[in-house]
Amino acid sequence: MLVRILKVFFILLFLFATAVQYNDPDAWLWMAIYLFPVIITLLAFWRIPVRLPAIVGGLTGLIYAIWIFPGLPPDFINHEEFREAGGLMIVTLWLFYMATVDHSQQTDSDASQ
């Protein structure tokens, strides 16, 4: 049950993150980045295997976040790139989590997951 609640929470979180990108100069890139874990999570709800796409997406997000970090100035906390890298890390952690959970064994009454 807890896994299902987490899935709903992160679906809503990433949908919100997608919605607030509309006025960003590179909105389509970030909308795609935030919609990808939504799609992966929905597929997992339907018990469709998501391990490989979640790992590939997680590694891609991790590489992109690492690529962003070296270019940050000393006062990086006030820069958009820092926030972007933080968002990528949240996406990456969630995708790696989705890759490790066995979604095929979940049932509505399974409280142990």
C-alpha atoms as a PDB file:
ATOM      1  CA  MET A   1       0.000   0.000   0.000  1.00  0.00           C
ATOM      2  CA  LEU A   2       2.842   2.398   0.840  1.00  0.00           C
ATOM      3  CA  VAL A   3       4.390   1.871  -2.596  1.00  0.00           C
ATOM      4  CA  ARG A   4       1.087   2.772  -4.251  1.00  0.00           C
ATOM      5  CA  ILE A   5       0.849   5.963  -2.178  1.00  0.00           C
ATOM      6  CA  LEU A   6       4.424   6.859  -3.122  1.00  0.00           C
ATOM      7  CA  LYS A   7       3.629   6.268  -6.778  1.00  0.00           C
ATOM      8  CA  VAL A   8       0.605   8.571  -6.655  1.00  0.00           C
ATOM      9  CA  PHE A   9       2.605  11.221  -4.784  1.00  0.00           C
ATOM     10  CA  PHE A  10       5.438  11.202  -7.316  1.00  0.00           C
ATOM     11  CA  ILE A  11       3.054  11.171 -10.279  1.00  0.00           C
ATOM     12  CA  LEU A  12       1.421  14.317  -8.887  1.00  0.00           C
ATOM     13  CA  LEU A  13       4.800  15.874  -8.037  1.00  0.00           C
ATOM     14  CA  PHE A  14       6.201  15.319 -11.531  1.00  0.00           C
ATOM     15  CA  LEU A  15       2.968  16.503 -13.178  1.00  0.00           C
ATOM     16  CA  PHE A  16       3.214  19.709 -11.151  1.00  0.00           C
ATOM     17  CA  ALA A  17       6.891  20.077 -12.097  1.00  0.00           C
ATOM     18  CA  THR A  18       5.881  19.641 -15.741  1.00  0.00           C
ATOM     19  CA  ALA A  19       3.139  22.257 -15.482  1.00  0.00           C
ATOM     20  CA  VAL A  20       5.396  24.960 -14.059  1.00  0.00           C
ATOM     21  CA  GLN A  21       7.849  24.641 -16.955  1.00  0.00           C
ATOM     22  CA  TYR A  22       5.524  26.369 -19.445  1.00  0.00           C
ATOM     23  CA  ASN A  23       7.327  29.742 -19.279  1.00  0.00           C
ATOM     24  CA  ASP A  24      10.873  28.339 -19.340  1.00  0.00           C
ATOM     25  CA  PRO A  25      12.944  29.019 -22.491  1.00  0.00           C
ATOM     26  CA  ASP A  26      13.669  25.290 -22.832  1.00  0.00           C
ATOM     27  CA  ALA A  27      10.250  24.177 -21.590  1.00  0.00           C
ATOM     28  CA  TRP A  28       9.881  21.190 -23.923  1.00  0.00           C
ATOM     29  CA  LEU A  29      13.115  19.617 -22.689  1.00  0.00           C
ATOM     30  CA  TRP A  30      12.115  19.914 -19.035  1.00  0.00           C
ATOM     31  CA  MET A  31       8.532  18.864 -19.659  1.00  0.00           C
ATOM     32  CA  ALA A  32       9.860  15.688 -21.288  1.00  0.00           C
ATOM     33  CA  ILE A  33      12.270  15.126 -18.392  1.00  0.00           C
ATOM     34  CA  TYR A  34       9.473  15.397 -15.818  1.00  0.00           C
ATOM     35  CA  LEU A  35       6.903  13.450 -17.842  1.00  0.00           C
ATOM     36  CA  PHE A  36       9.213  10.468 -18.316  1.00  0.00           C
ATOM     37  CA  PRO A  37       8.964   9.298 -14.661  1.00  0.00           C
ATOM     38  CA  VAL A  38       5.193   9.873 -14.806  1.00  0.00           C
ATOM     39  CA  ILE A  39       4.964   7.461 -17.737  1.00  0.00           C
ATOM     40  CA  ILE A  40       7.284   4.940 -16.053  1.00  0.00           C
ATOM     41  CA  THR A  41       5.239   5.079 -12.844  1.00  0.00           C
ATOM     42  CA  LEU A  42       1.933   4.681 -14.678  1.00  0.00           C
ATOM     43  CA  LEU A  43       3.308   1.671 -16.551  1.00  0.00           C
ATOM     44  CA  ALA A  44       4.380   0.186 -13.217  1.00  0.00           C
ATOM     45  CA  PHE A  45       0.838   0.702 -11.892  1.00  0.00           C
ATOM     46  CA  TRP A  46      -0.374  -1.450 -14.778  1.00  0.00           C
ATOM     47  CA  ARG A  47       2.342  -4.009 -13.935  1.00  0.00           C
ATOM     48  CA  ILE A  48       4.186  -3.459 -17.197  1.00  0.00           C
ATOM     49  CA  PRO A  49       7.943  -4.094 -16.760  1.00  0.00           C
ATOM     50  CA  VAL A  50       9.801  -0.804 -16.344  1.00  0.00           C
ATOM     51  CA  ARG A  51      13.218  -1.874 -15.078  1.00  0.00           C
ATOM     52  CA  LEU A  52      15.228  -1.229 -18.267  1.00  0.00           C
ATOM     53  CA  PRO A  53      13.645   2.122 -19.244  1.00  0.00           C
ATOM     54  CA  ALA A  54      13.860   3.291 -15.619  1.00  0.00           C
ATOM     55  CA  ILE A  55      17.574   2.423 -15.450  1.00  0.00           C
ATOM     56  CA  VAL A  56      18.299   4.074 -18.806  1.00  0.00           C
ATOM     57  CA  GLY A  57      16.330   7.189 -17.811  1.00  0.00           C
ATOM     58  CA  GLY A  58      17.990   7.296 -14.400  1.00  0.00           C
ATOM     59  CA  LEU A  59      21.480   7.011 -15.861  1.00  0.00           C
ATOM     60  CA  THR A  60      20.686   9.681 -18.444  1.00  0.00           C
ATOM     61  CA  GLY A  61      19.439  12.038 -15.722  1.00  0.00           C
ATOM     62  CA  LEU A  62      22.476  11.331 -13.562  1.00  0.00           C
ATOM     63  CA  ILE A  63      24.892  12.025 -16.420  1.00  0.00           C
ATOM     64  CA  TYR A  64      23.068  15.251 -17.307  1.00  0.00           C
ATOM     65  CA  ALA A  65      23.077  16.407 -13.660  1.00  0.00           C
ATOM     66  CA  ILE A  66      26.803  15.670 -13.340  1.00  0.00           C
ATOM     67  CA  TRP A  67      27.408  17.555 -16.589  1.00  0.00           C
ATOM     68  CA  ILE A  68      25.568  20.626 -15.209  1.00  0.00           C
ATOM     69  CA  PHE A  69      27.356  20.786 -11.813  1.00  0.00           C
ATOM     70  CA  PRO A  70      30.942  21.695 -12.860  1.00  0.00           C
ATOM     71  CA  GLY A  71      29.787  24.857 -14.622  1.00  0.00           C
ATOM     72  CA  LEU A  72      28.186  26.299 -11.502  1.00  0.00           C
ATOM     73  CA  PRO A  73      29.718  29.418  -9.939  1.00  0.00           C
ATOM     74  CA  PRO A  74      30.614  29.616  -6.213  1.00  0.00           C
ATOM     75  CA  ASP A  75      27.211  31.144  -5.369  1.00  0.00           C
ATOM     76  CA  PHE A  76      25.515  28.283  -7.235  1.00  0.00           C
ATOM     77  CA  ILE A  77      22.457  28.072  -4.989  1.00  0.00           C
ATOM     78  CA  ASN A  78      20.942  31.122  -6.698  1.00  0.00           C
ATOM     79  CA  HIS A  79      21.381  29.813 -10.235  1.00  0.00           C
ATOM     80  CA  GLU A  80      18.809  28.071 -12.382  1.00  0.00           C
ATOM     81  CA  GLU A  81      21.267  25.319 -13.286  1.00  0.00           C
ATOM     82  CA  PHE A  82      21.497  24.293  -9.631  1.00  0.00           C
ATOM     83  CA  ARG A  83      17.718  23.938  -9.443  1.00  0.00           C
ATOM     84  CA  GLU A  84      17.722  22.023 -12.725  1.00  0.00           C
ATOM     85  CA  ALA A  85      20.383  19.637 -11.426  1.00  0.00           C
ATOM     86  CA  GLY A  86      18.368  19.179  -8.230  1.00  0.00           C
ATOM     87  CA  GLY A  87      15.267  18.318 -10.230  1.00  0.00           C
ATOM     88  CA  LEU A  88      17.284  15.859 -12.286  1.00  0.00           C
ATOM     89  CA  MET A  89      18.543  14.192  -9.120  1.00  0.00           C
ATOM     90  CA  ILE A  90      14.971  13.766  -7.835  1.00  0.00           C
ATOM     91  CA  VAL A  91      13.969  12.253 -11.189  1.00  0.00           C
ATOM     92  CA  THR A  92      17.059  10.021 -11.153  1.00  0.00           C
ATOM     93  CA  LEU A  93      16.495   8.751  -7.612  1.00  0.00           C
ATOM     94  CA  TRP A  94      12.842   8.010  -8.338  1.00  0.00           C
ATOM     95  CA  LEU A  95      13.668   6.171 -11.566  1.00  0.00           C
ATOM     96  CA  PHE A  96      16.320   4.060  -9.826  1.00  0.00           C
ATOM     97  CA  TYR A  97      13.783   3.266  -7.106  1.00  0.00           C
ATOM     98  CA  MET A  98      11.247   2.267  -9.755  1.00  0.00           C
ATOM     99  CA  ALA A  99      13.867  -0.009 -11.314  1.00  0.00           C
ATOM    100  CA  THR A 100      14.439  -1.844  -8.017  1.00  0.00           C
ATOM    101  CA  VAL A 101      10.833  -2.475  -6.939  1.00  0.00           C
ATOM    102  CA  ASP A 102       9.086  -5.616  -8.191  1.00  0.00           C
ATOM    103  CA  HIS A 103       5.825  -4.157  -9.503  1.00  0.00           C
ATOM    104  CA  SER A 104       4.471  -7.455 -10.834  1.00  0.00           C
ATOM    105  CA  GLN A 105       4.016  -8.837  -7.312  1.00  0.00           C
ATOM    106  CA  GLN A 106       1.993  -5.914  -5.949  1.00  0.00           C
ATOM    107  CA  THR A 107      -1.661  -6.376  -5.158  1.00  0.00           C
ATOM    108  CA  ASP A 108      -4.189  -3.942  -3.761  1.00  0.00           C
ATOM    109  CA  SER A 109      -4.196  -5.721  -0.399  1.00  0.00           C
ATOM    110  CA  ASP A 110      -0.405  -6.131  -0.155  1.00  0.00           C
ATOM    111  CA  ALA A 111       0.551  -3.884   2.756  1.00  0.00           C
ATOM    112  CA  SER A 112       4.121  -5.156   2.936  1.00  0.00           C
ATOM    113  CA  GLN A 113       5.248  -3.285  -0.207  1.00  0.00           C
END
